[in-house]
């Protein structure tokens, strides 16, 4: 601001001198040169400011993309766990953990949408790194898509495991009931009439 004031003061002084000596070519050339240099300097500062602003926006974009990638890596690691449970209770516990995981995935969708919006804004503004921004965005979005697909597959496998474990439980309960009834049916103590009422049940 101080230099801006100095430029203006020199420009006003030059214009006052030109009014007193309008035919002085050397003075006119110096006033014009001063104006041109001030405009060139302002244009250079504006260009530098735009470069710094673009670099800052690019850095923010990359930071957000890297954070999402980091979270995605932990989600991929979670989905590597392929235990499906060996009892109804264990499968239900795994399903509960998976539902919590899917909730976390859903919460992350807002970050993906924000990253997409930032990328679109930078690309539409013809950011100098537009192609790089688009590639990084596509990479992040594609990884998230694969995680969501794998989570969906895992949910299906857990639900199938639950159905299977419930089937096994029901078969075991039915087998136990059949064994009890078979034992009662083949029991030779039916001839003993003292406990007849209990045997009829």
N, C-alpha and C. Protein backbone atom coordinates (compact mmCIF):
# COMPACT_ATOMS: atom_id res chain seq x y z
N UNK A 1 0.83 -1.19 0.00
CA UNK A 1 0.00 0.00 0.00
C UNK A 1 0.87 1.25 0.00
N UNK A 2 2.00 1.21 0.73
CA UNK A 2 2.89 2.37 0.77
C UNK A 2 3.50 2.63 -0.60
N UNK A 3 3.88 1.56 -1.28
CA UNK A 3 4.44 1.72 -2.62
C UNK A 3 3.39 2.18 -3.61
N UNK A 4 2.18 1.72 -3.41
CA UNK A 4 1.07 2.15 -4.27
C UNK A 4 0.89 3.66 -4.12
N UNK A 5 0.95 4.14 -2.89
CA UNK A 5 0.82 5.58 -2.64
C UNK A 5 1.97 6.35 -3.29
N UNK A 6 3.18 5.76 -3.23
CA UNK A 6 4.34 6.42 -3.85
C UNK A 6 4.16 6.53 -5.35
N UNK A 7 3.66 5.48 -5.97
CA UNK A 7 3.39 5.53 -7.41
C UNK A 7 2.40 6.63 -7.74
N UNK A 8 1.32 6.68 -6.98
CA UNK A 8 0.29 7.69 -7.25
C UNK A 8 0.84 9.11 -7.06
N UNK A 9 1.63 9.28 -6.02
CA UNK A 9 2.20 10.60 -5.75
C UNK A 9 3.14 11.03 -6.88
N UNK A 10 3.99 10.09 -7.35
CA UNK A 10 4.89 10.41 -8.46
C UNK A 10 4.11 10.68 -9.74
N UNK A 11 3.04 9.93 -9.95
CA UNK A 11 2.22 10.13 -11.14
C UNK A 11 1.57 11.51 -11.10
N UNK A 12 1.03 11.90 -9.95
CA UNK A 12 0.40 13.24 -9.83
C UNK A 12 1.44 14.34 -10.04
N UNK A 13 2.62 14.15 -9.48
CA UNK A 13 3.69 15.14 -9.65
C UNK A 13 4.05 15.25 -11.13
N UNK A 14 4.18 14.10 -11.81
CA UNK A 14 4.50 14.11 -13.24
C UNK A 14 3.43 14.81 -14.04
N UNK A 15 2.18 14.59 -13.71
CA UNK A 15 1.08 15.23 -14.44
C UNK A 15 1.06 16.74 -14.20
N UNK A 16 1.39 17.16 -12.96
CA UNK A 16 1.46 18.62 -12.66
C UNK A 16 2.59 19.27 -13.47
N UNK A 17 3.72 18.57 -13.52
CA UNK A 17 4.85 19.11 -14.28
C UNK A 17 4.53 19.18 -15.77
N UNK A 18 3.79 18.17 -16.28
CA UNK A 18 3.41 18.18 -17.70
C UNK A 18 2.45 19.32 -18.02
N UNK A 19 1.61 19.66 -17.06
CA UNK A 19 0.69 20.79 -17.30
C UNK A 19 1.48 22.11 -17.40
N UNK A 20 2.58 22.18 -16.67
CA UNK A 20 3.40 23.41 -16.72
C UNK A 20 4.29 23.41 -17.96
N UNK A 21 4.72 22.19 -18.38
CA UNK A 21 5.60 22.11 -19.55
C UNK A 21 5.09 21.00 -20.47
N UNK A 22 3.96 21.22 -21.17
CA UNK A 22 3.34 20.17 -21.98
C UNK A 22 4.20 19.71 -23.16
N UNK A 23 5.21 20.44 -23.55
CA UNK A 23 6.01 20.06 -24.71
C UNK A 23 7.27 19.28 -24.32
N UNK A 24 7.48 19.07 -23.04
CA UNK A 24 8.69 18.36 -22.58
C UNK A 24 8.52 16.86 -22.84
N UNK A 25 9.17 16.40 -23.93
CA UNK A 25 9.03 14.99 -24.33
C UNK A 25 9.67 14.03 -23.32
N UNK A 26 10.79 14.42 -22.80
CA UNK A 26 11.50 13.56 -21.85
C UNK A 26 10.62 13.32 -20.61
N UNK A 27 10.01 14.39 -20.12
CA UNK A 27 9.12 14.27 -18.95
C UNK A 27 7.91 13.40 -19.29
N UNK A 28 7.32 13.62 -20.47
CA UNK A 28 6.16 12.83 -20.88
C UNK A 28 6.53 11.34 -20.97
N UNK A 29 7.70 11.04 -21.56
CA UNK A 29 8.15 9.67 -21.68
C UNK A 29 8.36 9.03 -20.31
N UNK A 30 8.92 9.76 -19.38
CA UNK A 30 9.14 9.23 -18.03
C UNK A 30 7.81 8.97 -17.31
N UNK A 31 6.83 9.86 -17.47
CA UNK A 31 5.52 9.66 -16.84
C UNK A 31 4.85 8.41 -17.43
N UNK A 32 4.93 8.26 -18.76
CA UNK A 32 4.36 7.10 -19.42
C UNK A 32 5.07 5.81 -18.98
N UNK A 33 6.40 5.88 -18.89
CA UNK A 33 7.19 4.73 -18.46
C UNK A 33 6.81 4.34 -17.03
N UNK A 34 6.62 5.32 -16.17
CA UNK A 34 6.23 5.06 -14.79
C UNK A 34 4.87 4.36 -14.75
N UNK A 35 3.91 4.84 -15.55
CA UNK A 35 2.59 4.21 -15.61
C UNK A 35 2.71 2.77 -16.09
N UNK A 36 3.51 2.56 -17.16
CA UNK A 36 3.68 1.22 -17.73
C UNK A 36 4.33 0.28 -16.72
N UNK A 37 5.35 0.75 -16.05
CA UNK A 37 6.03 -0.09 -15.06
C UNK A 37 5.10 -0.44 -13.90
N UNK A 38 4.30 0.53 -13.50
CA UNK A 38 3.35 0.26 -12.42
C UNK A 38 2.31 -0.76 -12.86
N UNK A 39 1.83 -0.67 -14.09
CA UNK A 39 0.87 -1.64 -14.62
C UNK A 39 1.50 -3.03 -14.75
N UNK A 40 2.74 -3.07 -15.23
CA UNK A 40 3.44 -4.35 -15.35
C UNK A 40 3.64 -5.00 -13.98
N UNK A 41 4.02 -4.20 -13.01
CA UNK A 41 4.22 -4.71 -11.66
C UNK A 41 2.91 -5.24 -11.09
N UNK A 42 1.83 -4.49 -11.29
CA UNK A 42 0.52 -4.92 -10.79
C UNK A 42 0.09 -6.22 -11.46
N UNK A 43 0.32 -6.32 -12.77
CA UNK A 43 -0.03 -7.55 -13.50
C UNK A 43 0.80 -8.73 -12.99
N UNK A 44 2.09 -8.49 -12.71
CA UNK A 44 2.95 -9.56 -12.19
C UNK A 44 2.47 -10.00 -10.81
N UNK A 45 2.11 -9.04 -9.98
CA UNK A 45 1.61 -9.39 -8.64
C UNK A 45 0.28 -10.15 -8.74
N UNK A 46 -0.58 -9.70 -9.64
CA UNK A 46 -1.86 -10.42 -9.83
C UNK A 46 -1.62 -11.85 -10.31
N UNK A 47 -0.68 -12.01 -11.23
CA UNK A 47 -0.35 -13.33 -11.74
C UNK A 47 0.21 -14.20 -10.61
N UNK A 48 1.12 -13.64 -9.82
CA UNK A 48 1.70 -14.39 -8.70
C UNK A 48 0.62 -14.76 -7.69
N UNK A 49 -0.27 -13.83 -7.42
CA UNK A 49 -1.35 -14.10 -6.46
C UNK A 49 -2.23 -15.24 -6.96
N UNK A 50 -2.53 -15.24 -8.27
CA UNK A 50 -3.34 -16.30 -8.85
C UNK A 50 -2.61 -17.64 -8.77
N UNK A 51 -1.30 -17.64 -9.05
CA UNK A 51 -0.51 -18.87 -8.94
C UNK A 51 -0.52 -19.41 -7.51
N UNK A 52 -0.33 -18.54 -6.55
CA UNK A 52 -0.33 -18.95 -5.15
C UNK A 52 -1.70 -19.49 -4.74
N UNK A 53 -2.74 -18.80 -5.19
CA UNK A 53 -4.10 -19.24 -4.90
C UNK A 53 -4.37 -20.62 -5.51
N UNK A 54 -3.98 -20.81 -6.78
CA UNK A 54 -4.16 -22.10 -7.45
C UNK A 54 -3.35 -23.19 -6.76
N UNK A 55 -2.13 -22.88 -6.36
CA UNK A 55 -1.29 -23.87 -5.67
C UNK A 55 -1.90 -24.24 -4.32
N UNK A 56 -2.43 -23.26 -3.64
CA UNK A 56 -3.07 -23.52 -2.35
C UNK A 56 -4.30 -24.41 -2.54
N UNK A 57 -5.12 -24.10 -3.53
CA UNK A 57 -6.30 -24.92 -3.80
C UNK A 57 -5.90 -26.34 -4.18
N UNK A 58 -4.84 -26.49 -4.96
CA UNK A 58 -4.35 -27.81 -5.35
C UNK A 58 -3.87 -28.58 -4.12
N UNK A 59 -3.17 -27.88 -3.24
CA UNK A 59 -2.69 -28.52 -2.01
C UNK A 59 -3.86 -28.97 -1.14
N UNK A 60 -4.88 -28.15 -1.00
CA UNK A 60 -6.07 -28.53 -0.23
C UNK A 60 -6.76 -29.73 -0.85
N UNK A 61 -6.86 -29.73 -2.16
CA UNK A 61 -7.49 -30.86 -2.86
C UNK A 61 -6.71 -32.15 -2.59
N UNK A 62 -5.39 -32.09 -2.75
CA UNK A 62 -4.56 -33.28 -2.52
C UNK A 62 -4.62 -33.75 -1.07
N UNK A 63 -4.65 -32.82 -0.15
CA UNK A 63 -4.73 -33.19 1.27
C UNK A 63 -6.04 -33.95 1.53
N UNK A 64 -7.14 -33.45 1.01
CA UNK A 64 -8.44 -34.11 1.20
C UNK A 64 -8.44 -35.48 0.51
N UNK A 65 -7.91 -35.54 -0.71
CA UNK A 65 -7.85 -36.81 -1.44
C UNK A 65 -6.99 -37.83 -0.69
N UNK A 66 -5.85 -37.38 -0.14
CA UNK A 66 -4.97 -38.29 0.61
C UNK A 66 -5.63 -38.78 1.89
N UNK A 67 -6.37 -37.91 2.55
CA UNK A 67 -7.07 -38.33 3.77
C UNK A 67 -8.14 -39.37 3.43
N UNK A 68 -8.86 -39.16 2.36
CA UNK A 68 -9.88 -40.12 1.94
C UNK A 68 -9.21 -41.44 1.56
N UNK A 69 -8.08 -41.37 0.85
CA UNK A 69 -7.34 -42.58 0.50
C UNK A 69 -6.88 -43.34 1.74
N UNK A 70 -6.45 -42.62 2.74
CA UNK A 70 -6.01 -43.26 3.99
C UNK A 70 -7.17 -44.00 4.66
N UNK A 71 -8.32 -43.35 4.72
CA UNK A 71 -9.51 -43.99 5.30
C UNK A 71 -9.92 -45.19 4.45
N UNK A 72 -9.83 -45.04 3.14
CA UNK A 72 -10.17 -46.14 2.23
C UNK A 72 -9.25 -47.34 2.47
N UNK A 73 -7.98 -47.08 2.71
CA UNK A 73 -7.04 -48.18 2.99
C UNK A 73 -7.46 -48.94 4.24
N UNK A 74 -7.88 -48.22 5.27
CA UNK A 74 -8.33 -48.91 6.50
C UNK A 74 -9.62 -49.68 6.23
N UNK A 75 -10.48 -49.17 5.38
CA UNK A 75 -11.72 -49.88 5.03
C UNK A 75 -11.40 -51.14 4.23
N UNK A 76 -10.43 -51.04 3.32
CA UNK A 76 -10.03 -52.22 2.56
C UNK A 76 -9.47 -53.29 3.50
N UNK A 77 -8.68 -52.86 4.48
CA UNK A 77 -8.12 -53.81 5.46
C UNK A 77 -9.23 -54.48 6.26
N UNK A 78 -10.25 -53.71 6.66
CA UNK A 78 -11.39 -54.28 7.39
C UNK A 78 -12.07 -55.36 6.56
N UNK A 79 -12.22 -55.10 5.28
CA UNK A 79 -12.92 -56.04 4.40
C UNK A 79 -12.09 -57.28 4.06
N UNK A 80 -10.79 -57.23 4.35
CA UNK A 80 -9.96 -58.42 4.15
C UNK A 80 -10.30 -59.51 5.16
N UNK A 81 -10.88 -59.13 6.29
CA UNK A 81 -11.28 -60.09 7.32
C UNK A 81 -12.45 -60.88 6.76
N UNK A 82 -12.24 -62.17 6.54
CA UNK A 82 -13.27 -62.94 5.85
C UNK A 82 -13.97 -63.98 6.72
N UNK A 83 -13.84 -63.86 8.02
CA UNK A 83 -14.51 -64.77 8.96
C UNK A 83 -16.03 -64.60 8.80
N UNK A 84 -16.74 -65.73 8.70
CA UNK A 84 -18.19 -65.68 8.51
C UNK A 84 -18.96 -66.20 9.73
N UNK A 85 -18.25 -66.61 10.78
CA UNK A 85 -18.91 -67.06 11.99
C UNK A 85 -19.24 -68.54 11.95
N UNK A 86 -19.31 -69.13 13.15
CA UNK A 86 -19.59 -70.57 13.23
C UNK A 86 -20.82 -70.87 14.07
N UNK A 87 -21.46 -69.82 14.58
CA UNK A 87 -22.71 -69.96 15.32
C UNK A 87 -23.61 -68.79 14.96
N UNK A 88 -24.88 -68.92 15.31
CA UNK A 88 -25.82 -67.82 15.04
C UNK A 88 -25.34 -66.57 15.76
N UNK A 89 -24.94 -66.69 17.03
CA UNK A 89 -24.50 -65.52 17.80
C UNK A 89 -23.26 -64.87 17.19
N UNK A 90 -22.29 -65.69 16.77
CA UNK A 90 -21.07 -65.10 16.20
C UNK A 90 -21.37 -64.40 14.87
N UNK A 91 -22.24 -64.96 14.05
CA UNK A 91 -22.59 -64.32 12.78
C UNK A 91 -23.36 -63.04 13.04
N UNK A 92 -24.27 -63.05 14.01
CA UNK A 92 -25.01 -61.83 14.34
C UNK A 92 -24.06 -60.74 14.81
N UNK A 93 -23.04 -61.11 15.59
CA UNK A 93 -22.03 -60.14 16.03
C UNK A 93 -21.26 -59.56 14.85
N UNK A 94 -20.87 -60.44 13.92
CA UNK A 94 -20.17 -59.97 12.72
C UNK A 94 -21.06 -59.07 11.87
N UNK A 95 -22.33 -59.41 11.76
CA UNK A 95 -23.26 -58.57 11.01
C UNK A 95 -23.41 -57.19 11.64
N UNK A 96 -23.45 -57.16 12.98
CA UNK A 96 -23.57 -55.88 13.68
C UNK A 96 -22.34 -55.01 13.40
N UNK A 97 -21.15 -55.62 13.48
CA UNK A 97 -19.92 -54.88 13.17
C UNK A 97 -19.94 -54.39 11.73
N UNK A 98 -20.45 -55.23 10.83
CA UNK A 98 -20.49 -54.85 9.42
C UNK A 98 -21.47 -53.69 9.20
N UNK A 99 -22.59 -53.70 9.88
CA UNK A 99 -23.54 -52.59 9.77
C UNK A 99 -22.91 -51.29 10.25
N UNK A 100 -22.15 -51.35 11.34
CA UNK A 100 -21.44 -50.15 11.82
C UNK A 100 -20.43 -49.69 10.78
N UNK A 101 -19.75 -50.64 10.18
CA UNK A 101 -18.79 -50.32 9.12
C UNK A 101 -19.49 -49.64 7.94
N UNK A 102 -20.64 -50.18 7.53
CA UNK A 102 -21.38 -49.58 6.41
C UNK A 102 -21.85 -48.17 6.76
N UNK A 103 -22.19 -47.94 8.02
CA UNK A 103 -22.56 -46.59 8.44
C UNK A 103 -21.36 -45.65 8.28
N UNK A 104 -20.18 -46.13 8.66
CA UNK A 104 -18.96 -45.33 8.49
C UNK A 104 -18.73 -45.02 7.01
N UNK A 105 -18.96 -46.02 6.16
CA UNK A 105 -18.82 -45.80 4.71
C UNK A 105 -19.78 -44.71 4.24
N UNK A 106 -21.01 -44.76 4.73
CA UNK A 106 -22.01 -43.78 4.32
C UNK A 106 -21.62 -42.37 4.75
N UNK A 107 -21.09 -42.26 5.96
CA UNK A 107 -20.64 -40.96 6.45
C UNK A 107 -19.54 -40.40 5.55
N UNK A 108 -18.66 -41.28 5.07
CA UNK A 108 -17.56 -40.86 4.20
C UNK A 108 -18.05 -40.37 2.84
N UNK A 109 -19.25 -40.75 2.45
CA UNK A 109 -19.77 -40.32 1.15
C UNK A 109 -19.83 -38.80 1.05
N UNK A 110 -20.11 -38.14 2.16
CA UNK A 110 -20.16 -36.67 2.15
C UNK A 110 -18.80 -36.10 1.77
N UNK A 111 -17.73 -36.73 2.28
CA UNK A 111 -16.38 -36.27 1.94
C UNK A 111 -16.09 -36.50 0.46
N UNK A 112 -16.56 -37.61 -0.07
CA UNK A 112 -16.36 -37.90 -1.50
C UNK A 112 -17.09 -36.85 -2.34
N UNK A 113 -18.31 -36.53 -1.94
CA UNK A 113 -19.08 -35.50 -2.67
C UNK A 113 -18.37 -34.15 -2.62
N UNK A 114 -17.82 -33.81 -1.46
CA UNK A 114 -17.09 -32.54 -1.33
C UNK A 114 -15.86 -32.55 -2.22
N UNK A 115 -15.12 -33.66 -2.23
CA UNK A 115 -13.93 -33.77 -3.09
C UNK A 115 -14.33 -33.62 -4.55
N UNK A 116 -15.42 -34.24 -4.94
CA UNK A 116 -15.93 -34.13 -6.31
C UNK A 116 -16.26 -32.68 -6.66
N UNK A 117 -16.92 -32.00 -5.73
CA UNK A 117 -17.28 -30.59 -5.95
C UNK A 117 -16.03 -29.73 -6.12
N UNK A 118 -15.03 -29.96 -5.26
CA UNK A 118 -13.78 -29.18 -5.34
C UNK A 118 -13.11 -29.44 -6.69
N UNK A 119 -13.03 -30.72 -7.08
CA UNK A 119 -12.40 -31.07 -8.36
C UNK A 119 -13.13 -30.41 -9.53
N UNK A 120 -14.46 -30.50 -9.53
CA UNK A 120 -15.24 -29.88 -10.61
C UNK A 120 -15.01 -28.38 -10.68
N UNK A 121 -14.99 -27.74 -9.52
CA UNK A 121 -14.79 -26.28 -9.48
C UNK A 121 -13.42 -25.92 -10.06
N UNK A 122 -12.39 -26.66 -9.65
CA UNK A 122 -11.03 -26.36 -10.14
C UNK A 122 -10.91 -26.63 -11.64
N UNK A 123 -11.50 -27.71 -12.10
CA UNK A 123 -11.41 -28.04 -13.52
C UNK A 123 -12.17 -27.02 -14.36
N UNK A 124 -13.36 -26.62 -13.89
CA UNK A 124 -14.14 -25.62 -14.62
C UNK A 124 -13.45 -24.27 -14.64
N UNK A 125 -12.65 -23.98 -13.60
CA UNK A 125 -11.91 -22.72 -13.56
C UNK A 125 -10.61 -22.80 -14.37
N UNK A 126 -10.44 -23.91 -15.08
CA UNK A 126 -9.27 -24.14 -15.92
C UNK A 126 -7.97 -24.08 -15.11
N UNK A 127 -8.01 -24.76 -13.98
CA UNK A 127 -6.83 -24.85 -13.11
C UNK A 127 -5.69 -25.47 -13.89
N UNK A 128 -4.47 -24.98 -13.68
CA UNK A 128 -3.32 -25.46 -14.45
C UNK A 128 -3.08 -26.96 -14.26
N UNK A 129 -3.55 -27.54 -13.15
CA UNK A 129 -3.37 -28.97 -12.89
C UNK A 129 -4.69 -29.72 -13.06
N UNK A 130 -5.55 -29.23 -13.92
CA UNK A 130 -6.87 -29.81 -14.10
C UNK A 130 -6.86 -31.29 -14.45
N UNK A 131 -5.97 -31.70 -15.34
CA UNK A 131 -5.90 -33.11 -15.73
C UNK A 131 -5.46 -33.97 -14.54
N UNK A 132 -4.49 -33.50 -13.81
CA UNK A 132 -4.00 -34.22 -12.61
C UNK A 132 -5.11 -34.32 -11.56
N UNK A 133 -5.84 -33.24 -11.38
CA UNK A 133 -6.95 -33.22 -10.41
C UNK A 133 -8.02 -34.23 -10.81
N UNK A 134 -8.36 -34.25 -12.09
CA UNK A 134 -9.37 -35.19 -12.58
C UNK A 134 -8.92 -36.63 -12.39
N UNK A 135 -7.66 -36.92 -12.69
CA UNK A 135 -7.14 -38.28 -12.52
C UNK A 135 -7.17 -38.71 -11.06
N UNK A 136 -6.73 -37.83 -10.18
CA UNK A 136 -6.70 -38.16 -8.75
C UNK A 136 -8.13 -38.38 -8.23
N UNK A 137 -9.03 -37.50 -8.62
CA UNK A 137 -10.43 -37.65 -8.20
C UNK A 137 -10.99 -38.99 -8.67
N UNK A 138 -10.75 -39.33 -9.93
CA UNK A 138 -11.26 -40.59 -10.48
C UNK A 138 -10.66 -41.79 -9.75
N UNK A 139 -9.39 -41.70 -9.41
CA UNK A 139 -8.73 -42.78 -8.68
C UNK A 139 -9.38 -42.97 -7.30
N UNK A 140 -9.59 -41.87 -6.58
CA UNK A 140 -10.19 -41.93 -5.24
C UNK A 140 -11.62 -42.48 -5.33
N UNK A 141 -12.39 -41.98 -6.27
CA UNK A 141 -13.79 -42.40 -6.42
C UNK A 141 -13.86 -43.88 -6.80
N UNK A 142 -12.97 -44.33 -7.67
CA UNK A 142 -12.97 -45.74 -8.10
C UNK A 142 -12.63 -46.66 -6.92
N UNK A 143 -11.65 -46.27 -6.11
CA UNK A 143 -11.31 -47.09 -4.93
C UNK A 143 -12.49 -47.18 -3.98
N UNK A 144 -13.18 -46.06 -3.76
CA UNK A 144 -14.34 -46.06 -2.87
C UNK A 144 -15.45 -46.94 -3.44
N UNK A 145 -15.62 -46.89 -4.74
CA UNK A 145 -16.66 -47.71 -5.39
C UNK A 145 -16.36 -49.19 -5.15
N UNK A 146 -15.10 -49.59 -5.29
CA UNK A 146 -14.72 -50.99 -5.08
C UNK A 146 -14.94 -51.39 -3.62
N UNK A 147 -14.64 -50.48 -2.69
CA UNK A 147 -14.86 -50.78 -1.27
C UNK A 147 -16.35 -50.98 -1.01
N UNK A 148 -17.18 -50.14 -1.59
CA UNK A 148 -18.63 -50.28 -1.39
C UNK A 148 -19.14 -51.59 -1.99
N UNK A 149 -18.62 -51.98 -3.15
CA UNK A 149 -19.03 -53.24 -3.76
C UNK A 149 -18.59 -54.42 -2.89
N UNK A 150 -17.37 -54.36 -2.38
CA UNK A 150 -16.87 -55.43 -1.54
C UNK A 150 -17.66 -55.50 -0.23
N UNK A 151 -18.06 -54.35 0.30
CA UNK A 151 -18.87 -54.32 1.52
C UNK A 151 -20.24 -54.95 1.26
N UNK A 152 -20.79 -54.69 0.10
CA UNK A 152 -22.09 -55.28 -0.27
C UNK A 152 -21.96 -56.80 -0.38
N UNK A 153 -20.88 -57.25 -1.01
CA UNK A 153 -20.64 -58.69 -1.13
C UNK A 153 -20.47 -59.33 0.25
N UNK A 154 -19.73 -58.65 1.12
CA UNK A 154 -19.50 -59.17 2.47
C UNK A 154 -20.83 -59.27 3.22
N UNK A 155 -21.68 -58.26 3.09
CA UNK A 155 -23.00 -58.31 3.74
C UNK A 155 -23.78 -59.54 3.24
N UNK A 156 -23.76 -59.77 1.94
CA UNK A 156 -24.45 -60.93 1.38
C UNK A 156 -23.90 -62.24 1.92
N UNK A 157 -22.58 -62.32 2.04
CA UNK A 157 -21.96 -63.55 2.57
C UNK A 157 -22.34 -63.75 4.04
N UNK A 158 -22.36 -62.65 4.81
CA UNK A 158 -22.74 -62.76 6.22
C UNK A 158 -24.22 -63.16 6.36
N UNK A 159 -25.06 -62.61 5.52
CA UNK A 159 -26.48 -62.97 5.58
C UNK A 159 -26.69 -64.44 5.20
N UNK A 160 -25.93 -64.91 4.21
CA UNK A 160 -26.01 -66.33 3.83
C UNK A 160 -25.49 -67.20 4.97
N UNK A 161 -24.42 -66.75 5.61
CA UNK A 161 -23.86 -67.50 6.75
C UNK A 161 -24.87 -67.56 7.90
N UNK A 162 -25.56 -66.45 8.14
CA UNK A 162 -26.58 -66.43 9.20
C UNK A 162 -27.70 -67.42 8.87
N UNK A 163 -28.16 -67.41 7.64
CA UNK A 163 -29.22 -68.36 7.25
C UNK A 163 -28.74 -69.80 7.44
N UNK A 164 -27.50 -70.07 7.07
CA UNK A 164 -26.95 -71.41 7.21
C UNK A 164 -26.84 -71.80 8.68
N UNK A 165 -26.32 -70.88 9.52
CA UNK A 165 -26.17 -71.18 10.95
C UNK A 165 -27.54 -71.37 11.62
N UNK A 166 -28.53 -70.58 11.19
CA UNK A 166 -29.89 -70.76 11.73
C UNK A 166 -30.45 -72.11 11.30
N UNK A 167 -30.17 -72.51 10.07
CA UNK A 167 -30.60 -73.82 9.59
C UNK A 167 -29.96 -74.93 10.43
N UNK A 168 -28.64 -74.82 10.65
CA UNK A 168 -27.95 -75.83 11.46
C UNK A 168 -28.52 -75.89 12.88
N UNK A 169 -28.79 -74.74 13.46
CA UNK A 169 -29.38 -74.68 14.80
C UNK A 169 -30.74 -75.36 14.81
N UNK A 170 -31.57 -75.04 13.83
CA UNK A 170 -32.91 -75.63 13.75
C UNK A 170 -32.84 -77.13 13.53
N UNK A 171 -31.90 -77.57 12.70
CA UNK A 171 -31.72 -79.01 12.48
C UNK A 171 -31.31 -79.69 13.78
N UNK A 172 -30.38 -79.08 14.51
CA UNK A 172 -29.93 -79.66 15.79
C UNK A 172 -31.07 -79.73 16.79
N UNK A 173 -31.86 -78.66 16.87
CA UNK A 173 -33.01 -78.68 17.80
C UNK A 173 -34.01 -79.76 17.40
N UNK A 174 -34.28 -79.90 16.11
CA UNK A 174 -35.21 -80.91 15.64
C UNK A 174 -34.64 -82.32 15.88
N UNK A 175 -33.37 -82.48 15.63
CA UNK A 175 -32.73 -83.78 15.87
C UNK A 175 -32.80 -84.15 17.34
N UNK A 176 -32.57 -83.17 18.21
CA UNK A 176 -32.66 -83.41 19.65
C UNK A 176 -34.09 -83.84 20.03
N UNK A 177 -35.06 -83.15 19.47
CA UNK A 177 -36.46 -83.48 19.76
C UNK A 177 -36.77 -84.90 19.27
N UNK A 178 -36.29 -85.23 18.05
CA UNK A 178 -36.53 -86.56 17.49
C UNK A 178 -35.88 -87.63 18.38
N UNK A 179 -34.65 -87.37 18.85
CA UNK A 179 -33.97 -88.34 19.72
C UNK A 179 -34.76 -88.57 21.00
N UNK A 180 -35.25 -87.47 21.55
CA UNK A 180 -36.04 -87.60 22.79
C UNK A 180 -37.31 -88.41 22.53
N UNK A 181 -38.00 -88.12 21.46
CA UNK A 181 -39.24 -88.84 21.14
C UNK A 181 -38.94 -90.30 20.79
N UNK A 182 -37.85 -90.53 20.08
CA UNK A 182 -37.49 -91.90 19.73
C UNK A 182 -37.16 -92.71 20.98
N UNK A 183 -36.45 -92.06 21.90
CA UNK A 183 -36.12 -92.73 23.16
C UNK A 183 -37.41 -93.10 23.91
N UNK A 184 -38.33 -92.16 23.92
CA UNK A 184 -39.60 -92.43 24.61
C UNK A 184 -40.39 -93.52 23.89
N UNK A 185 -40.33 -93.51 22.56
CA UNK A 185 -41.08 -94.50 21.78
C UNK A 185 -40.50 -95.90 21.92
N UNK A 186 -39.23 -96.02 22.12
CA UNK A 186 -38.60 -97.34 22.23
C UNK A 186 -38.37 -97.77 23.66
N UNK A 187 -38.82 -97.00 24.58
CA UNK A 187 -38.64 -97.32 26.01
C UNK A 187 -39.56 -98.49 26.38
N UNK A 188 -39.01 -99.51 26.99
CA UNK A 188 -39.75 -100.72 27.37
C UNK A 188 -40.54 -100.53 28.66
N UNK A 189 -40.35 -99.38 29.28
CA UNK A 189 -41.04 -99.18 30.56
C UNK A 189 -42.51 -98.83 30.36
N UNK A 190 -42.97 -98.86 29.11
CA UNK A 190 -44.39 -98.54 28.87
C UNK A 190 -45.31 -99.55 29.55
N UNK A 191 -44.77 -100.70 29.85
CA UNK A 191 -45.58 -101.72 30.49
C UNK A 191 -45.87 -101.38 31.94
N UNK A 192 -45.01 -100.51 32.49
CA UNK A 192 -45.21 -100.07 33.87
C UNK A 192 -46.29 -98.99 33.87
N UNK A 193 -47.43 -99.23 34.46
CA UNK A 193 -48.57 -98.34 34.39
C UNK A 193 -48.53 -97.20 35.39
N UNK A 194 -47.52 -97.15 36.25
CA UNK A 194 -47.49 -96.13 37.30
C UNK A 194 -47.28 -94.72 36.74
N UNK A 195 -46.66 -94.56 35.62
CA UNK A 195 -46.36 -93.23 35.08
C UNK A 195 -47.01 -93.07 33.72
N UNK A 196 -48.18 -93.56 33.55
CA UNK A 196 -48.87 -93.58 32.26
C UNK A 196 -49.17 -92.17 31.73
N UNK A 197 -49.60 -91.27 32.58
CA UNK A 197 -49.95 -89.91 32.15
C UNK A 197 -48.73 -89.20 31.53
N UNK A 198 -47.54 -89.28 32.12
CA UNK A 198 -46.31 -88.65 31.60
C UNK A 198 -45.90 -89.25 30.28
N UNK A 199 -46.13 -90.55 30.10
CA UNK A 199 -45.72 -91.23 28.86
C UNK A 199 -46.60 -90.84 27.68
N UNK A 200 -47.82 -90.46 27.94
CA UNK A 200 -48.72 -90.07 26.86
C UNK A 200 -48.37 -88.71 26.27
N UNK A 201 -47.63 -87.95 26.96
CA UNK A 201 -47.25 -86.62 26.46
C UNK A 201 -46.13 -86.79 25.51
